[in-house]
Structure formats: structure tokens, C-alpha cells
Amino acid sequence: MIAIEKFKNAAKMIKGRVIRTPLVHSSSLSRMFGGEIYLKLENLQKTGSFKIRGATYTIMVNRANIGPGGVVAASAGNHAQGVALAASQAQLPAT
């Protein structure tokens, strides 16, 4: 199990680099599943996906170990967009 402190630390590291997206209550899903259902609107991120969070955190944690060649993402989708934006924010090249 991952300790809550690790999540709190990650949140501090990415603060200001990703959008703090809202939670929206879904009445229809709550009725359907018999519990309170909230939707996290990660589609509001600059890249349209939550993938920017992991990319930003990973680049920030490893910043001192990233060489002049920058970072590489083996993706053509949301992960690649997240890595590209996170690298740009860290002033690193990305491929």
C-alpha cells in the first residue's frame, strides 16, 4: 500500500504545473449505483487527459538525472502529450 504522504508530496510537486480540476456530482450515476458518484474532470487539463500528472511528477522527481538529450515518450497519444508539456515546463527537450 502506498502511504498517503507520497500522494501529498506528489501533489505539492505538480502544483502550479497542472490544473486542479473539479469534482462534479453525478445524480444519474449515483442513483444507478446506489452511492454518491463524483466525476473528476481531467478532460479540462491542457492536454485533455490525466496523463500530464504522472509525466510532470516523474520529470520533477528525476530532473537532476535527466541529461541534455531530454526525455523520450514511446507514445503517440495522451501520454506523449503529457510528457511533451511537462518537459516544456521544465525547459527540457522531449522526443
N, C-alpha and C. Protein backbone atom coordinates (compact mmCIF):
# COMPACT_ATOMS: atom_id res chain seq x y z
N MET A 1 0.84 -1.18 0.00
CA MET A 1 0.00 0.00 0.00
C MET A 1 0.89 1.25 0.00
N ILE A 2 0.49 2.22 -0.77
CA ILE A 2 1.24 3.48 -0.85
C ILE A 2 0.76 4.41 0.26
N ALA A 3 1.71 4.97 0.99
CA ALA A 3 1.38 5.88 2.09
C ALA A 3 0.80 7.18 1.55
N ILE A 4 -0.15 7.74 2.27
CA ILE A 4 -0.81 8.99 1.88
C ILE A 4 0.20 10.13 1.74
N GLU A 5 1.29 10.07 2.48
CA GLU A 5 2.31 11.12 2.41
C GLU A 5 2.91 11.20 1.01
N LYS A 6 3.04 10.06 0.33
CA LYS A 6 3.59 10.07 -1.03
C LYS A 6 2.65 10.81 -1.98
N PHE A 7 1.36 10.63 -1.80
CA PHE A 7 0.40 11.34 -2.63
C PHE A 7 0.44 12.84 -2.34
N LYS A 8 0.55 13.19 -1.07
CA LYS A 8 0.62 14.61 -0.70
C LYS A 8 1.87 15.26 -1.26
N ASN A 9 2.99 14.55 -1.21
CA ASN A 9 4.24 15.05 -1.76
C ASN A 9 4.13 15.24 -3.27
N ALA A 10 3.53 14.27 -3.94
CA ALA A 10 3.34 14.38 -5.39
C ALA A 10 2.46 15.58 -5.73
N ALA A 11 1.40 15.79 -4.96
CA ALA A 11 0.51 16.93 -5.20
C ALA A 11 1.26 18.25 -5.07
N LYS A 12 2.15 18.34 -4.09
CA LYS A 12 2.95 19.56 -3.91
C LYS A 12 3.88 19.77 -5.09
N MET A 13 4.47 18.68 -5.59
CA MET A 13 5.43 18.80 -6.68
C MET A 13 4.79 19.25 -7.99
N ILE A 14 3.56 18.85 -8.24
CA ILE A 14 2.93 19.19 -9.51
C ILE A 14 2.05 20.45 -9.42
N LYS A 15 1.87 20.96 -8.21
CA LYS A 15 1.03 22.15 -8.02
C LYS A 15 1.56 23.30 -8.87
N GLY A 16 0.65 23.96 -9.55
CA GLY A 16 1.03 25.07 -10.41
C GLY A 16 1.45 24.66 -11.80
N ARG A 17 1.66 23.37 -12.01
CA ARG A 17 2.06 22.86 -13.32
C ARG A 17 0.92 22.13 -14.02
N VAL A 18 -0.05 21.69 -13.24
CA VAL A 18 -1.25 21.06 -13.79
C VAL A 18 -2.47 21.79 -13.23
N ILE A 19 -3.57 21.64 -13.91
CA ILE A 19 -4.80 22.29 -13.47
C ILE A 19 -5.44 21.47 -12.36
N ARG A 20 -5.89 22.15 -11.32
CA ARG A 20 -6.65 21.47 -10.26
C ARG A 20 -8.09 21.37 -10.75
N THR A 21 -8.43 20.21 -11.26
CA THR A 21 -9.73 20.01 -11.90
C THR A 21 -10.82 19.73 -10.88
N PRO A 22 -12.05 20.12 -11.20
CA PRO A 22 -13.15 19.95 -10.24
C PRO A 22 -13.71 18.53 -10.21
N LEU A 23 -14.37 18.24 -9.10
CA LEU A 23 -15.20 17.04 -8.97
C LEU A 23 -16.64 17.48 -9.16
N VAL A 24 -17.39 16.74 -9.96
CA VAL A 24 -18.78 17.06 -10.22
C VAL A 24 -19.64 15.87 -9.83
N HIS A 25 -20.66 16.13 -9.02
CA HIS A 25 -21.56 15.06 -8.59
C HIS A 25 -22.43 14.62 -9.76
N SER A 26 -22.58 13.31 -9.91
CA SER A 26 -23.44 12.75 -10.95
C SER A 26 -24.67 12.14 -10.30
N SER A 27 -25.79 12.83 -10.41
CA SER A 27 -27.04 12.33 -9.83
C SER A 27 -27.47 11.03 -10.49
N SER A 28 -27.36 10.97 -11.81
CA SER A 28 -27.82 9.77 -12.51
C SER A 28 -26.97 8.55 -12.16
N LEU A 29 -25.65 8.69 -12.12
CA LEU A 29 -24.80 7.55 -11.75
C LEU A 29 -24.97 7.19 -10.28
N SER A 30 -25.18 8.18 -9.44
CA SER A 30 -25.41 7.92 -8.02
C SER A 30 -26.67 7.08 -7.83
N ARG A 31 -27.73 7.43 -8.55
CA ARG A 31 -28.97 6.64 -8.47
C ARG A 31 -28.75 5.24 -9.03
N MET A 32 -28.05 5.16 -10.14
CA MET A 32 -27.84 3.89 -10.82
C MET A 32 -27.06 2.90 -9.94
N PHE A 33 -26.05 3.40 -9.22
CA PHE A 33 -25.18 2.52 -8.45
C PHE A 33 -25.46 2.54 -6.95
N GLY A 34 -26.42 3.35 -6.51
CA GLY A 34 -26.80 3.36 -5.11
C GLY A 34 -25.76 3.93 -4.18
N GLY A 35 -24.99 4.86 -4.64
CA GLY A 35 -23.97 5.53 -3.82
C GLY A 35 -23.66 6.88 -4.44
N GLU A 36 -22.92 7.68 -3.72
CA GLU A 36 -22.57 9.01 -4.23
C GLU A 36 -21.41 8.88 -5.22
N ILE A 37 -21.64 9.27 -6.46
CA ILE A 37 -20.64 9.18 -7.51
C ILE A 37 -20.25 10.59 -7.94
N TYR A 38 -18.94 10.83 -7.95
CA TYR A 38 -18.39 12.10 -8.40
C TYR A 38 -17.46 11.84 -9.57
N LEU A 39 -17.45 12.74 -10.51
CA LEU A 39 -16.60 12.63 -11.68
C LEU A 39 -15.50 13.68 -11.60
N LYS A 40 -14.25 13.25 -11.79
CA LYS A 40 -13.10 14.15 -11.79
C LYS A 40 -12.88 14.59 -13.24
N LEU A 41 -13.01 15.86 -13.51
CA LEU A 41 -12.99 16.36 -14.88
C LEU A 41 -11.57 16.60 -15.40
N GLU A 42 -10.83 15.51 -15.56
CA GLU A 42 -9.45 15.61 -16.05
C GLU A 42 -9.39 16.01 -17.51
N ASN A 43 -10.52 15.94 -18.21
CA ASN A 43 -10.55 16.41 -19.59
C ASN A 43 -10.31 17.92 -19.68
N LEU A 44 -10.33 18.61 -18.54
CA LEU A 44 -10.07 20.05 -18.52
C LEU A 44 -8.58 20.38 -18.44
N GLN A 45 -7.73 19.37 -18.31
CA GLN A 45 -6.29 19.61 -18.33
C GLN A 45 -5.89 20.17 -19.70
N LYS A 46 -4.76 20.84 -19.78
CA LYS A 46 -4.30 21.41 -21.04
C LYS A 46 -4.16 20.35 -22.13
N THR A 47 -3.83 19.13 -21.74
CA THR A 47 -3.67 18.05 -22.70
C THR A 47 -4.95 17.23 -22.87
N GLY A 48 -5.98 17.52 -22.10
CA GLY A 48 -7.24 16.80 -22.18
C GLY A 48 -7.23 15.46 -21.49
N SER A 49 -6.22 15.21 -20.64
CA SER A 49 -6.08 13.90 -20.01
C SER A 49 -5.35 14.02 -18.68
N PHE A 50 -5.55 13.03 -17.82
CA PHE A 50 -4.87 12.97 -16.53
C PHE A 50 -3.39 12.62 -16.68
N LYS A 51 -2.96 12.19 -17.85
CA LYS A 51 -1.58 11.71 -18.05
C LYS A 51 -0.53 12.78 -17.74
N ILE A 52 -0.90 14.04 -17.83
CA ILE A 52 0.03 15.13 -17.51
C ILE A 52 0.50 15.05 -16.07
N ARG A 53 -0.33 14.53 -15.18
CA ARG A 53 0.04 14.43 -13.76
C ARG A 53 1.25 13.52 -13.56
N GLY A 54 1.18 12.32 -14.08
CA GLY A 54 2.28 11.37 -13.92
C GLY A 54 3.54 11.82 -14.63
N ALA A 55 3.38 12.39 -15.81
CA ALA A 55 4.54 12.86 -16.56
C ALA A 55 5.23 14.00 -15.82
N THR A 56 4.46 14.93 -15.31
CA THR A 56 5.03 16.06 -14.57
C THR A 56 5.75 15.59 -13.32
N TYR A 57 5.10 14.73 -12.56
CA TYR A 57 5.71 14.22 -11.33
C TYR A 57 7.02 13.49 -11.64
N THR A 58 7.01 12.62 -12.63
CA THR A 58 8.20 11.83 -12.96
C THR A 58 9.35 12.72 -13.40
N ILE A 59 9.06 13.71 -14.23
CA ILE A 59 10.12 14.62 -14.67
C ILE A 59 10.64 15.45 -13.50
N MET A 60 9.77 15.92 -12.63
CA MET A 60 10.22 16.71 -11.48
C MET A 60 11.08 15.88 -10.53
N VAL A 61 10.69 14.65 -10.27
CA VAL A 61 11.45 13.78 -9.36
C VAL A 61 12.83 13.45 -9.93
N ASN A 62 12.90 13.27 -11.24
CA ASN A 62 14.14 12.84 -11.88
C ASN A 62 14.90 13.97 -12.57
N ARG A 63 14.49 15.20 -12.35
CA ARG A 63 15.06 16.36 -13.05
C ARG A 63 16.59 16.39 -13.00
N ALA A 64 17.16 16.12 -11.87
CA ALA A 64 18.62 16.19 -11.72
C ALA A 64 19.35 15.11 -12.52
N ASN A 65 18.66 14.04 -12.86
CA ASN A 65 19.28 12.93 -13.58
C ASN A 65 19.00 12.93 -15.08
N ILE A 66 18.28 13.91 -15.56
CA ILE A 66 17.94 13.97 -16.98
C ILE A 66 19.04 14.73 -17.71
N GLY A 67 19.62 14.08 -18.71
CA GLY A 67 20.72 14.67 -19.45
C GLY A 67 20.27 15.67 -20.50
N PRO A 68 21.22 16.20 -21.27
CA PRO A 68 20.91 17.23 -22.26
C PRO A 68 20.01 16.73 -23.39
N GLY A 69 19.92 15.41 -23.56
CA GLY A 69 19.05 14.86 -24.59
C GLY A 69 17.59 14.92 -24.22
N GLY A 70 17.31 15.21 -22.95
CA GLY A 70 15.93 15.35 -22.51
C GLY A 70 15.25 14.03 -22.23
N VAL A 71 13.97 13.96 -22.53
CA VAL A 71 13.16 12.78 -22.23
C VAL A 71 12.54 12.23 -23.52
N VAL A 72 12.21 10.94 -23.47
CA VAL A 72 11.60 10.26 -24.62
C VAL A 72 10.31 9.60 -24.16
N ALA A 73 9.26 9.75 -24.95
CA ALA A 73 7.99 9.08 -24.68
C ALA A 73 7.68 8.16 -25.85
N ALA A 74 7.48 6.89 -25.56
CA ALA A 74 7.11 5.92 -26.60
C ALA A 74 5.59 5.88 -26.68
N SER A 75 5.01 6.94 -27.22
CA SER A 75 3.56 7.06 -27.28
C SER A 75 3.20 8.07 -28.37
N ALA A 76 2.03 7.90 -28.92
CA ALA A 76 1.52 8.89 -29.87
C ALA A 76 0.21 9.47 -29.37
N GLY A 77 -0.09 9.21 -28.10
CA GLY A 77 -1.38 9.62 -27.55
C GLY A 77 -1.27 10.57 -26.38
N ASN A 78 -2.15 10.37 -25.41
CA ASN A 78 -2.24 11.25 -24.25
C ASN A 78 -0.95 11.29 -23.43
N HIS A 79 -0.28 10.15 -23.30
CA HIS A 79 0.97 10.13 -22.53
C HIS A 79 2.02 11.01 -23.21
N ALA A 80 2.14 10.90 -24.53
CA ALA A 80 3.12 11.72 -25.26
C ALA A 80 2.82 13.21 -25.08
N GLN A 81 1.56 13.57 -25.12
CA GLN A 81 1.19 14.98 -24.93
C GLN A 81 1.54 15.44 -23.53
N GLY A 82 1.31 14.58 -22.54
CA GLY A 82 1.65 14.91 -21.16
C GLY A 82 3.15 15.09 -20.98
N VAL A 83 3.92 14.18 -21.55
CA VAL A 83 5.39 14.27 -21.46
C VAL A 83 5.88 15.52 -22.17
N ALA A 84 5.36 15.80 -23.34
CA ALA A 84 5.79 16.99 -24.09
C ALA A 84 5.53 18.27 -23.30
N LEU A 85 4.36 18.40 -22.71
CA LEU A 85 4.05 19.60 -21.93
C LEU A 85 4.88 19.67 -20.67
N ALA A 86 5.02 18.56 -19.96
CA ALA A 86 5.81 18.54 -18.73
C ALA A 86 7.27 18.88 -19.02
N ALA A 87 7.81 18.34 -20.10
CA ALA A 87 9.20 18.63 -20.48
C ALA A 87 9.35 20.11 -20.83
N SER A 88 8.40 20.64 -21.56
CA SER A 88 8.45 22.05 -21.93
C SER A 88 8.43 22.94 -20.69
N GLN A 89 7.58 22.61 -19.72
CA GLN A 89 7.52 23.38 -18.48
C GLN A 89 8.83 23.31 -17.71
N ALA A 90 9.53 22.17 -17.83
CA ALA A 90 10.81 22.00 -17.14
C ALA A 90 11.98 22.47 -18.00
N GLN A 91 11.68 23.04 -19.16
CA GLN A 91 12.68 23.51 -20.12
C GLN A 91 13.62 22.40 -20.55
N LEU A 92 13.04 21.25 -20.87
CA LEU A 92 13.79 20.09 -21.35
C LEU A 92 13.31 19.72 -22.74
N PRO A 93 14.21 19.19 -23.58
CA PRO A 93 13.75 18.67 -24.86
C PRO A 93 13.00 17.35 -24.65
N ALA A 94 12.06 17.07 -25.53
CA ALA A 94 11.31 15.82 -25.47
C ALA A 94 11.14 15.27 -26.88
N THR A 95 11.20 13.95 -26.95
CA THR A 95 11.02 13.25 -28.23
C THR A 95 9.94 12.21 -28.05
